[in-house]
Amino acid sequence: MVSARIAAVLLLFASGSAVAGPFDGLQQIAATRTGSVWYVDRSTLKTDGHVTSAWLTMDHSRDRTERARRSRALIEIECGAHRYHWVQSFSYRRNGAPLPEPVRPNVIMDIAAGSPVEAVWQGLCQR
């Protein structure tokens, strides 16, 4: 009886740890008021003194204002200057089909107060 319980617990534990979710290895870093959740992949984080870059994943599955279901983007942030630009970005519709690139790459922009990018700046630059 005891060994059956232990086996059931081990099986439950093993099955839960074997299932990989779509955001495994990512850390939530921001959320929008409309329902998008932003994650950073810390394994891609690079800093060369004044500029920090990392890949972000944006989950728009609960955000009905976004055409995309999910986006991935490489961001570069000039920490001291409070500016950023998108290096690359990809977005996918709810059916998995790619969308046109949602942002203009390599256009340097100021970080808006209260924006998800400001939360990314705080998480990556204010360590």
C-alpha atoms as a PDB file:
ATOM      1  CA  MET A   1       0.000   0.000   0.000  1.00  0.00           C
ATOM      2  CA  VAL A   2       2.772   2.437   0.957  1.00  0.00           C
ATOM      3  CA  SER A   3       4.825   1.595  -2.118  1.00  0.00           C
ATOM      4  CA  ALA A   4       1.789   2.216  -4.361  1.00  0.00           C
ATOM      5  CA  ARG A   5       1.379   5.700  -2.841  1.00  0.00           C
ATOM      6  CA  ILE A   6       5.063   6.476  -3.263  1.00  0.00           C
ATOM      7  CA  ALA A   7       4.954   5.272  -6.880  1.00  0.00           C
ATOM      8  CA  ALA A   8       1.898   7.448  -7.572  1.00  0.00           C
ATOM      9  CA  VAL A   9       3.606  10.512  -6.057  1.00  0.00           C
ATOM     10  CA  LEU A  10       6.804   9.874  -8.015  1.00  0.00           C
ATOM     11  CA  LEU A  11       4.831   9.387 -11.225  1.00  0.00           C
ATOM     12  CA  LEU A  12       2.928  12.618 -10.639  1.00  0.00           C
ATOM     13  CA  PHE A  13       6.146  14.508  -9.876  1.00  0.00           C
ATOM     14  CA  ALA A  14       7.950  13.067 -12.901  1.00  0.00           C
ATOM     15  CA  SER A  15       5.101  13.802 -15.296  1.00  0.00           C
ATOM     16  CA  GLY A  16       4.824  17.408 -14.100  1.00  0.00           C
ATOM     17  CA  SER A  17       8.522  18.086 -14.494  1.00  0.00           C
ATOM     18  CA  ALA A  18       8.740  16.418 -17.901  1.00  0.00           C
ATOM     19  CA  VAL A  19       6.197  18.726 -19.532  1.00  0.00           C
ATOM     20  CA  ALA A  20       7.839  21.866 -20.876  1.00  0.00           C
ATOM     21  CA  GLY A  21       5.693  24.972 -21.133  1.00  0.00           C
ATOM     22  CA  PRO A  22       5.974  27.617 -23.855  1.00  0.00           C
ATOM     23  CA  PHE A  23       7.659  30.079 -21.471  1.00  0.00           C
ATOM     24  CA  ASP A  24      10.096  27.750 -19.686  1.00  0.00           C
ATOM     25  CA  GLY A  25      13.430  29.467 -19.125  1.00  0.00           C
ATOM     26  CA  LEU A  26      11.877  32.911 -19.481  1.00  0.00           C
ATOM     27  CA  GLN A  27      11.288  35.442 -16.716  1.00  0.00           C
ATOM     28  CA  GLN A  28       8.216  37.672 -16.699  1.00  0.00           C
ATOM     29  CA  ILE A  29       9.393  41.268 -16.810  1.00  0.00           C
ATOM     30  CA  ALA A  30       6.367  43.378 -17.806  1.00  0.00           C
ATOM     31  CA  ALA A  31       2.643  43.336 -18.515  1.00  0.00           C
ATOM     32  CA  THR A  32       0.337  45.732 -20.318  1.00  0.00           C
ATOM     33  CA  ARG A  33      -3.052  46.978 -19.158  1.00  0.00           C
ATOM     34  CA  THR A  34      -4.601  45.258 -22.172  1.00  0.00           C
ATOM     35  CA  GLY A  35      -3.326  41.787 -21.219  1.00  0.00           C
ATOM     36  CA  SER A  36       0.001  41.192 -22.983  1.00  0.00           C
ATOM     37  CA  VAL A  37       2.724  39.655 -20.835  1.00  0.00           C
ATOM     38  CA  TRP A  38       6.396  40.303 -21.623  1.00  0.00           C
ATOM     39  CA  TYR A  39       9.167  37.836 -20.784  1.00  0.00           C
ATOM     40  CA  VAL A  40      12.948  38.141 -20.993  1.00  0.00           C
ATOM     41  CA  ASP A  41      15.286  35.305 -21.870  1.00  0.00           C
ATOM     42  CA  ARG A  42      18.124  35.999 -19.423  1.00  0.00           C
ATOM     43  CA  SER A  43      20.365  33.464 -21.193  1.00  0.00           C
ATOM     44  CA  THR A  44      20.539  35.924 -24.120  1.00  0.00           C
ATOM     45  CA  LEU A  45      21.392  38.954 -21.962  1.00  0.00           C
ATOM     46  CA  LYS A  46      24.513  40.799 -23.168  1.00  0.00           C
ATOM     47  CA  THR A  47      26.054  43.986 -21.820  1.00  0.00           C
ATOM     48  CA  ASP A  48      28.985  45.890 -23.285  1.00  0.00           C
ATOM     49  CA  GLY A  49      29.169  48.748 -20.815  1.00  0.00           C
ATOM     50  CA  HIS A  50      26.520  51.206 -21.966  1.00  0.00           C
ATOM     51  CA  VAL A  51      24.273  48.985 -24.097  1.00  0.00           C
ATOM     52  CA  THR A  52      22.321  45.958 -22.900  1.00  0.00           C
ATOM     53  CA  SER A  53      20.510  43.561 -25.213  1.00  0.00           C
ATOM     54  CA  ALA A  54      18.238  40.551 -24.738  1.00  0.00           C
ATOM     55  CA  TRP A  55      15.533  38.581 -26.524  1.00  0.00           C
ATOM     56  CA  LEU A  56      11.986  39.228 -25.342  1.00  0.00           C
ATOM     57  CA  THR A  57       8.888  37.091 -25.833  1.00  0.00           C
ATOM     58  CA  MET A  58       5.510  38.790 -25.695  1.00  0.00           C
ATOM     59  CA  ASP A  59       2.431  36.671 -25.034  1.00  0.00           C
ATOM     60  CA  HIS A  60      -0.622  38.423 -26.476  1.00  0.00           C
ATOM     61  CA  SER A  61      -2.999  35.470 -26.038  1.00  0.00           C
ATOM     62  CA  ARG A  62      -5.185  37.419 -23.567  1.00  0.00           C
ATOM     63  CA  ASP A  63      -4.819  40.790 -25.288  1.00  0.00           C
ATOM     64  CA  ARG A  64      -7.648  41.353 -27.763  1.00  0.00           C
ATOM     65  CA  THR A  65      -6.138  44.672 -28.924  1.00  0.00           C
ATOM     66  CA  GLU A  66      -3.170  42.833 -30.510  1.00  0.00           C
ATOM     67  CA  ARG A  67      -3.426  41.072 -33.867  1.00  0.00           C
ATOM     68  CA  ALA A  68      -0.552  38.803 -32.895  1.00  0.00           C
ATOM     69  CA  ARG A  69      -0.764  35.916 -30.468  1.00  0.00           C
ATOM     70  CA  ARG A  70       2.968  35.948 -29.752  1.00  0.00           C
ATOM     71  CA  SER A  71       5.940  38.130 -30.625  1.00  0.00           C
ATOM     72  CA  ARG A  72       9.695  37.734 -30.207  1.00  0.00           C
ATOM     73  CA  ALA A  73      12.063  40.669 -30.379  1.00  0.00           C
ATOM     74  CA  LEU A  74      15.694  41.494 -29.796  1.00  0.00           C
ATOM     75  CA  ILE A  75      15.953  44.795 -27.935  1.00  0.00           C
ATOM     76  CA  GLU A  76      19.018  46.969 -27.349  1.00  0.00           C
ATOM     77  CA  ILE A  77      18.823  49.474 -24.525  1.00  0.00           C
ATOM     78  CA  GLU A  78      21.161  52.404 -23.944  1.00  0.00           C
ATOM     79  CA  CYS A  79      20.866  52.250 -20.169  1.00  0.00           C
ATOM     80  CA  GLY A  80      22.320  55.660 -19.277  1.00  0.00           C
ATOM     81  CA  ALA A  81      20.591  57.523 -22.113  1.00  0.00           C
ATOM     82  CA  HIS A  82      17.185  55.939 -21.383  1.00  0.00           C
ATOM     83  CA  ARG A  83      16.760  55.028 -25.074  1.00  0.00           C
ATOM     84  CA  TYR A  84      16.217  51.794 -26.977  1.00  0.00           C
ATOM     85  CA  HIS A  85      15.740  50.279 -30.382  1.00  0.00           C
ATOM     86  CA  TRP A  86      14.456  46.996 -31.762  1.00  0.00           C
ATOM     87  CA  VAL A  87      17.123  45.015 -33.613  1.00  0.00           C
ATOM     88  CA  GLN A  88      14.781  42.306 -34.891  1.00  0.00           C
ATOM     89  CA  SER A  89      11.201  41.268 -34.256  1.00  0.00           C
ATOM     90  CA  PHE A  90       8.796  38.536 -35.291  1.00  0.00           C
ATOM     91  CA  SER A  91       5.050  38.252 -34.651  1.00  0.00           C
ATOM     92  CA  TYR A  92       2.659  35.400 -35.241  1.00  0.00           C
ATOM     93  CA  ARG A  93      -1.129  35.368 -35.683  1.00  0.00           C
ATOM     94  CA  ARG A  94      -3.384  33.260 -33.512  1.00  0.00           C
ATOM     95  CA  ASN A  95      -3.288  30.543 -36.217  1.00  0.00           C
ATOM     96  CA  GLY A  96       0.551  30.566 -36.240  1.00  0.00           C
ATOM     97  CA  ALA A  97       0.982  32.453 -39.521  1.00  0.00           C
ATOM     98  CA  PRO A  98       3.659  35.154 -39.464  1.00  0.00           C
ATOM     99  CA  LEU A  99       2.685  38.820 -39.432  1.00  0.00           C
ATOM    100  CA  PRO A 100       4.675  41.636 -41.033  1.00  0.00           C
ATOM    101  CA  GLU A 101       7.401  42.967 -38.757  1.00  0.00           C
ATOM    102  CA  PRO A 102       5.510  45.023 -36.137  1.00  0.00           C
ATOM    103  CA  VAL A 103       8.243  47.571 -35.441  1.00  0.00           C
ATOM    104  CA  ARG A 104      10.795  49.516 -37.423  1.00  0.00           C
ATOM    105  CA  PRO A 105      14.202  48.039 -36.606  1.00  0.00           C
ATOM    106  CA  ASN A 106      17.118  50.243 -35.593  1.00  0.00           C
ATOM    107  CA  VAL A 107      15.036  53.376 -34.970  1.00  0.00           C
ATOM    108  CA  ILE A 108      16.284  54.815 -31.666  1.00  0.00           C
ATOM    109  CA  MET A 109      13.440  55.875 -29.362  1.00  0.00           C
ATOM    110  CA  ASP A 110      13.159  57.365 -25.896  1.00  0.00           C
ATOM    111  CA  ILE A 111      11.758  55.038 -23.259  1.00  0.00           C
ATOM    112  CA  ALA A 112       8.261  56.221 -22.316  1.00  0.00           C
ATOM    113  CA  ALA A 113       7.432  56.396 -18.619  1.00  0.00           C
ATOM    114  CA  GLY A 114       5.098  53.617 -17.522  1.00  0.00           C
ATOM    115  CA  SER A 115       5.616  51.577 -20.693  1.00  0.00           C
ATOM    116  CA  PRO A 116       6.526  47.889 -20.846  1.00  0.00           C
ATOM    117  CA  VAL A 117       9.887  48.945 -22.303  1.00  0.00           C
ATOM    118  CA  GLU A 118      10.514  50.994 -19.145  1.00  0.00           C
ATOM    119  CA  ALA A 119       9.889  47.840 -17.085  1.00  0.00           C
ATOM    120  CA  VAL A 120      12.406  46.011 -19.303  1.00  0.00           C
ATOM    121  CA  TRP A 121      14.883  48.904 -18.815  1.00  0.00           C
ATOM    122  CA  GLN A 122      14.428  48.665 -15.031  1.00  0.00           C
ATOM    123  CA  GLY A 123      14.884  44.891 -15.061  1.00  0.00           C
ATOM    124  CA  LEU A 124      17.963  44.880 -17.270  1.00  0.00           C
ATOM    125  CA  CYS A 125      19.709  48.168 -16.462  1.00  0.00           C
ATOM    126  CA  GLN A 126      18.913  48.780 -12.796  1.00  0.00           C
ATOM    127  CA  ARG A 127      20.613  45.654 -11.417  1.00  0.00           C
END
